[in-house]
C-alpha cells in the first residue's frame, strides 16, 4: 500500500498539479501537508462554496495559510467552475 501511495504522489508531481476544485479525498491527501482532516476541510469548503475561485482561496480553509501555499502552489490548481 505504501508503494502504491508513493507511486501516486510521484505521478501527480510528474504529470501536473492537483485541481482543488475536482480532486477527491485521496488525491488531496497526496499533497505534502494534507492529511485526512485537511482533505475533509477542503471538501467541506467545496460543498459550502461550490468551488475555489483560485488557489489563493485555500487560505480561507482552516489549517491552511501562507506557508502551506508557498510550499505547494506549484502543485495546486483551481479550475473554473459555475457557482
N, C-alpha and C. Protein backbone atom coordinates (compact mmCIF):
# COMPACT_ATOMS: atom_id res chain seq x y z
N UNK A 1 0.82 -1.20 0.00
CA UNK A 1 0.00 0.00 0.00
C UNK A 1 0.86 1.26 0.00
N UNK A 2 1.96 1.22 0.79
CA UNK A 2 2.86 2.37 0.80
C UNK A 2 3.47 2.63 -0.57
N UNK A 3 3.84 1.56 -1.24
CA UNK A 3 4.43 1.69 -2.57
C UNK A 3 3.45 2.34 -3.53
N UNK A 4 2.20 1.91 -3.46
CA UNK A 4 1.17 2.50 -4.31
C UNK A 4 1.02 3.99 -4.04
N UNK A 5 1.02 4.38 -2.77
CA UNK A 5 0.91 5.79 -2.41
C UNK A 5 2.08 6.60 -2.95
N UNK A 6 3.28 6.04 -2.82
CA UNK A 6 4.47 6.72 -3.31
C UNK A 6 4.39 6.89 -4.83
N UNK A 7 3.93 5.86 -5.52
CA UNK A 7 3.79 5.95 -6.97
C UNK A 7 2.76 7.00 -7.37
N UNK A 8 1.65 7.06 -6.64
CA UNK A 8 0.62 8.06 -6.92
C UNK A 8 1.14 9.47 -6.73
N UNK A 9 1.86 9.68 -5.65
CA UNK A 9 2.42 11.00 -5.38
C UNK A 9 3.40 11.38 -6.48
N UNK A 10 4.26 10.45 -6.83
CA UNK A 10 5.23 10.70 -7.90
C UNK A 10 4.55 11.03 -9.21
N UNK A 11 3.50 10.29 -9.54
CA UNK A 11 2.77 10.52 -10.79
C UNK A 11 2.12 11.90 -10.78
N UNK A 12 1.57 12.28 -9.66
CA UNK A 12 0.93 13.59 -9.55
C UNK A 12 1.95 14.70 -9.77
N UNK A 13 3.10 14.56 -9.14
CA UNK A 13 4.12 15.59 -9.26
C UNK A 13 4.69 15.65 -10.68
N UNK A 14 4.75 14.51 -11.34
CA UNK A 14 5.30 14.46 -12.70
C UNK A 14 4.31 14.98 -13.74
N UNK A 15 3.05 14.71 -13.54
CA UNK A 15 2.06 15.00 -14.57
C UNK A 15 1.26 16.27 -14.35
N UNK A 16 1.48 16.95 -13.25
CA UNK A 16 0.79 18.20 -13.08
C UNK A 16 0.23 18.40 -11.70
N UNK A 17 -0.43 19.50 -11.57
CA UNK A 17 -0.95 19.94 -10.29
C UNK A 17 -2.28 19.26 -9.97
N UNK A 18 -2.58 19.23 -8.69
CA UNK A 18 -3.86 18.70 -8.22
C UNK A 18 -4.88 19.83 -8.28
N UNK A 19 -6.01 19.57 -8.89
CA UNK A 19 -7.08 20.55 -9.01
C UNK A 19 -7.92 20.51 -7.74
N UNK A 20 -7.83 21.57 -6.94
CA UNK A 20 -8.55 21.58 -5.67
C UNK A 20 -10.05 21.70 -5.84
N UNK A 21 -10.52 21.97 -7.05
CA UNK A 21 -11.96 22.00 -7.30
C UNK A 21 -12.51 20.65 -7.75
N UNK A 22 -11.64 19.73 -8.12
CA UNK A 22 -12.12 18.45 -8.64
C UNK A 22 -11.55 17.23 -7.91
N UNK A 23 -10.46 17.41 -7.19
CA UNK A 23 -9.77 16.28 -6.56
C UNK A 23 -10.64 15.63 -5.49
N UNK A 24 -10.54 14.31 -5.41
CA UNK A 24 -11.22 13.61 -4.33
C UNK A 24 -10.29 13.57 -3.12
N UNK A 25 -10.77 12.98 -2.05
CA UNK A 25 -10.03 12.96 -0.80
C UNK A 25 -8.64 12.35 -0.96
N UNK A 26 -8.55 11.23 -1.64
CA UNK A 26 -7.26 10.55 -1.82
C UNK A 26 -6.28 11.41 -2.60
N UNK A 27 -6.76 12.08 -3.63
CA UNK A 27 -5.89 12.94 -4.43
C UNK A 27 -5.40 14.13 -3.61
N UNK A 28 -6.27 14.69 -2.79
CA UNK A 28 -5.87 15.81 -1.94
C UNK A 28 -4.81 15.37 -0.93
N UNK A 29 -4.94 14.17 -0.43
CA UNK A 29 -4.01 13.67 0.57
C UNK A 29 -2.63 13.36 -0.02
N UNK A 30 -2.50 13.38 -1.32
CA UNK A 30 -1.21 13.18 -1.96
C UNK A 30 -0.33 14.43 -1.84
N UNK A 31 -0.93 15.56 -1.54
CA UNK A 31 -0.20 16.82 -1.43
C UNK A 31 0.48 16.87 -0.06
N UNK A 32 1.75 17.24 -0.06
CA UNK A 32 2.50 17.33 1.18
C UNK A 32 1.82 18.32 2.13
N UNK A 33 1.57 17.86 3.34
CA UNK A 33 0.94 18.71 4.35
C UNK A 33 -0.56 18.54 4.45
N UNK A 34 -1.14 17.69 3.60
CA UNK A 34 -2.58 17.45 3.67
C UNK A 34 -2.83 16.01 4.10
N UNK A 35 -3.42 15.88 5.27
CA UNK A 35 -3.84 14.58 5.77
C UNK A 35 -5.34 14.46 5.63
N UNK A 36 -5.90 13.49 6.31
CA UNK A 36 -7.34 13.24 6.20
C UNK A 36 -8.18 14.42 6.66
N UNK A 37 -7.81 15.02 7.80
CA UNK A 37 -8.61 16.13 8.34
C UNK A 37 -8.59 17.34 7.40
N UNK A 38 -7.43 17.68 6.87
CA UNK A 38 -7.36 18.83 5.97
C UNK A 38 -8.04 18.54 4.63
N UNK A 39 -7.94 17.31 4.16
CA UNK A 39 -8.64 16.94 2.92
C UNK A 39 -10.14 17.09 3.13
N UNK A 40 -10.63 16.64 4.28
CA UNK A 40 -12.05 16.78 4.60
C UNK A 40 -12.46 18.25 4.69
N UNK A 41 -11.57 19.09 5.23
CA UNK A 41 -11.86 20.52 5.33
C UNK A 41 -12.00 21.15 3.94
N UNK A 42 -11.16 20.73 3.02
CA UNK A 42 -11.25 21.23 1.63
C UNK A 42 -12.57 20.79 1.00
N UNK A 43 -12.92 19.53 1.18
CA UNK A 43 -14.16 19.01 0.62
C UNK A 43 -15.38 19.72 1.22
N UNK A 44 -15.33 19.99 2.52
CA UNK A 44 -16.42 20.71 3.18
C UNK A 44 -16.54 22.14 2.63
N UNK A 45 -15.40 22.78 2.41
CA UNK A 45 -15.42 24.13 1.83
C UNK A 45 -16.06 24.10 0.45
N UNK A 46 -15.71 23.11 -0.33
CA UNK A 46 -16.29 23.00 -1.68
C UNK A 46 -17.79 22.77 -1.62
N UNK A 47 -18.24 21.98 -0.66
CA UNK A 47 -19.69 21.75 -0.53
C UNK A 47 -20.42 23.05 -0.22
N UNK A 48 -19.82 23.86 0.63
CA UNK A 48 -20.46 25.10 1.06
C UNK A 48 -20.35 26.21 0.01
N UNK A 49 -19.22 26.30 -0.68
CA UNK A 49 -18.97 27.42 -1.60
C UNK A 49 -18.96 27.03 -3.07
N UNK A 50 -19.22 25.78 -3.38
CA UNK A 50 -19.23 25.23 -4.75
C UNK A 50 -17.83 25.01 -5.30
N UNK A 51 -16.92 25.99 -5.12
CA UNK A 51 -15.57 25.84 -5.67
C UNK A 51 -14.65 26.91 -5.10
N UNK A 52 -13.38 26.76 -5.41
CA UNK A 52 -12.37 27.77 -5.10
C UNK A 52 -12.23 28.65 -6.34
N UNK A 53 -12.20 29.95 -6.16
CA UNK A 53 -12.04 30.87 -7.28
C UNK A 53 -10.59 30.98 -7.73
N UNK A 54 -9.69 30.47 -6.94
CA UNK A 54 -8.27 30.46 -7.25
C UNK A 54 -7.54 29.72 -6.16
N UNK A 55 -6.31 29.37 -6.42
CA UNK A 55 -5.51 28.62 -5.46
C UNK A 55 -5.35 29.39 -4.15
N UNK A 56 -5.22 30.70 -4.23
CA UNK A 56 -5.05 31.54 -3.03
C UNK A 56 -6.21 31.38 -2.05
N UNK A 57 -7.37 31.05 -2.55
CA UNK A 57 -8.56 30.94 -1.70
C UNK A 57 -8.47 29.79 -0.71
N UNK A 58 -7.55 28.88 -0.91
CA UNK A 58 -7.39 27.76 0.02
C UNK A 58 -7.04 28.27 1.42
N UNK A 59 -6.50 29.47 1.49
CA UNK A 59 -6.17 30.05 2.80
C UNK A 59 -7.41 30.36 3.62
N UNK A 60 -8.57 30.34 3.02
CA UNK A 60 -9.82 30.56 3.76
C UNK A 60 -10.25 29.29 4.51
N UNK A 61 -9.62 28.18 4.19
CA UNK A 61 -9.93 26.91 4.85
C UNK A 61 -9.05 26.81 6.10
N UNK A 62 -9.67 26.47 7.23
CA UNK A 62 -8.94 26.35 8.49
C UNK A 62 -7.77 25.37 8.33
N UNK A 63 -6.60 25.81 8.78
CA UNK A 63 -5.42 24.95 8.72
C UNK A 63 -4.50 25.23 7.55
N UNK A 64 -4.91 26.13 6.68
CA UNK A 64 -4.10 26.47 5.51
C UNK A 64 -3.73 27.95 5.56
N UNK A 65 -2.47 28.21 5.36
CA UNK A 65 -2.02 29.59 5.40
C UNK A 65 -0.95 29.86 4.36
N UNK A 66 -0.25 30.97 4.57
CA UNK A 66 0.77 31.40 3.62
C UNK A 66 1.88 30.36 3.44
N UNK A 67 2.32 29.75 4.54
CA UNK A 67 3.41 28.78 4.45
C UNK A 67 3.01 27.57 3.59
N UNK A 68 1.80 27.07 3.83
CA UNK A 68 1.33 25.93 3.03
C UNK A 68 1.28 26.31 1.56
N UNK A 69 0.72 27.45 1.27
CA UNK A 69 0.57 27.88 -0.12
C UNK A 69 1.93 28.09 -0.78
N UNK A 70 2.85 28.69 -0.05
CA UNK A 70 4.19 28.92 -0.59
C UNK A 70 4.87 27.61 -0.97
N UNK A 71 4.71 26.59 -0.13
CA UNK A 71 5.36 25.30 -0.37
C UNK A 71 4.68 24.50 -1.48
N UNK A 72 3.39 24.70 -1.67
CA UNK A 72 2.62 23.82 -2.55
C UNK A 72 1.99 24.49 -3.76
N UNK A 73 2.18 25.76 -3.94
CA UNK A 73 1.47 26.48 -5.00
C UNK A 73 1.69 25.85 -6.38
N UNK A 74 2.89 25.38 -6.63
CA UNK A 74 3.18 24.79 -7.95
C UNK A 74 2.50 23.43 -8.14
N UNK A 75 2.04 22.83 -7.05
CA UNK A 75 1.37 21.53 -7.12
C UNK A 75 -0.15 21.66 -7.09
N UNK A 76 -0.65 22.89 -7.06
CA UNK A 76 -2.10 23.12 -6.96
C UNK A 76 -2.61 23.91 -8.15
N UNK A 77 -3.86 23.67 -8.48
CA UNK A 77 -4.58 24.50 -9.46
C UNK A 77 -6.04 24.51 -9.07
N UNK A 78 -6.73 25.51 -9.53
CA UNK A 78 -8.17 25.63 -9.25
C UNK A 78 -8.88 25.89 -10.58
N UNK A 79 -9.47 24.84 -11.12
CA UNK A 79 -10.17 25.00 -12.39
C UNK A 79 -11.40 25.88 -12.20
N UNK A 80 -11.84 26.47 -13.27
CA UNK A 80 -13.02 27.32 -13.18
C UNK A 80 -14.26 26.45 -12.98
N UNK A 81 -15.23 27.03 -12.34
CA UNK A 81 -16.50 26.32 -12.14
C UNK A 81 -17.64 27.33 -12.12
N UNK A 82 -18.81 26.81 -12.30
CA UNK A 82 -20.01 27.66 -12.27
C UNK A 82 -20.61 27.59 -10.89
N UNK A 83 -20.87 28.74 -10.31
CA UNK A 83 -21.47 28.78 -8.97
C UNK A 83 -22.96 28.80 -9.04
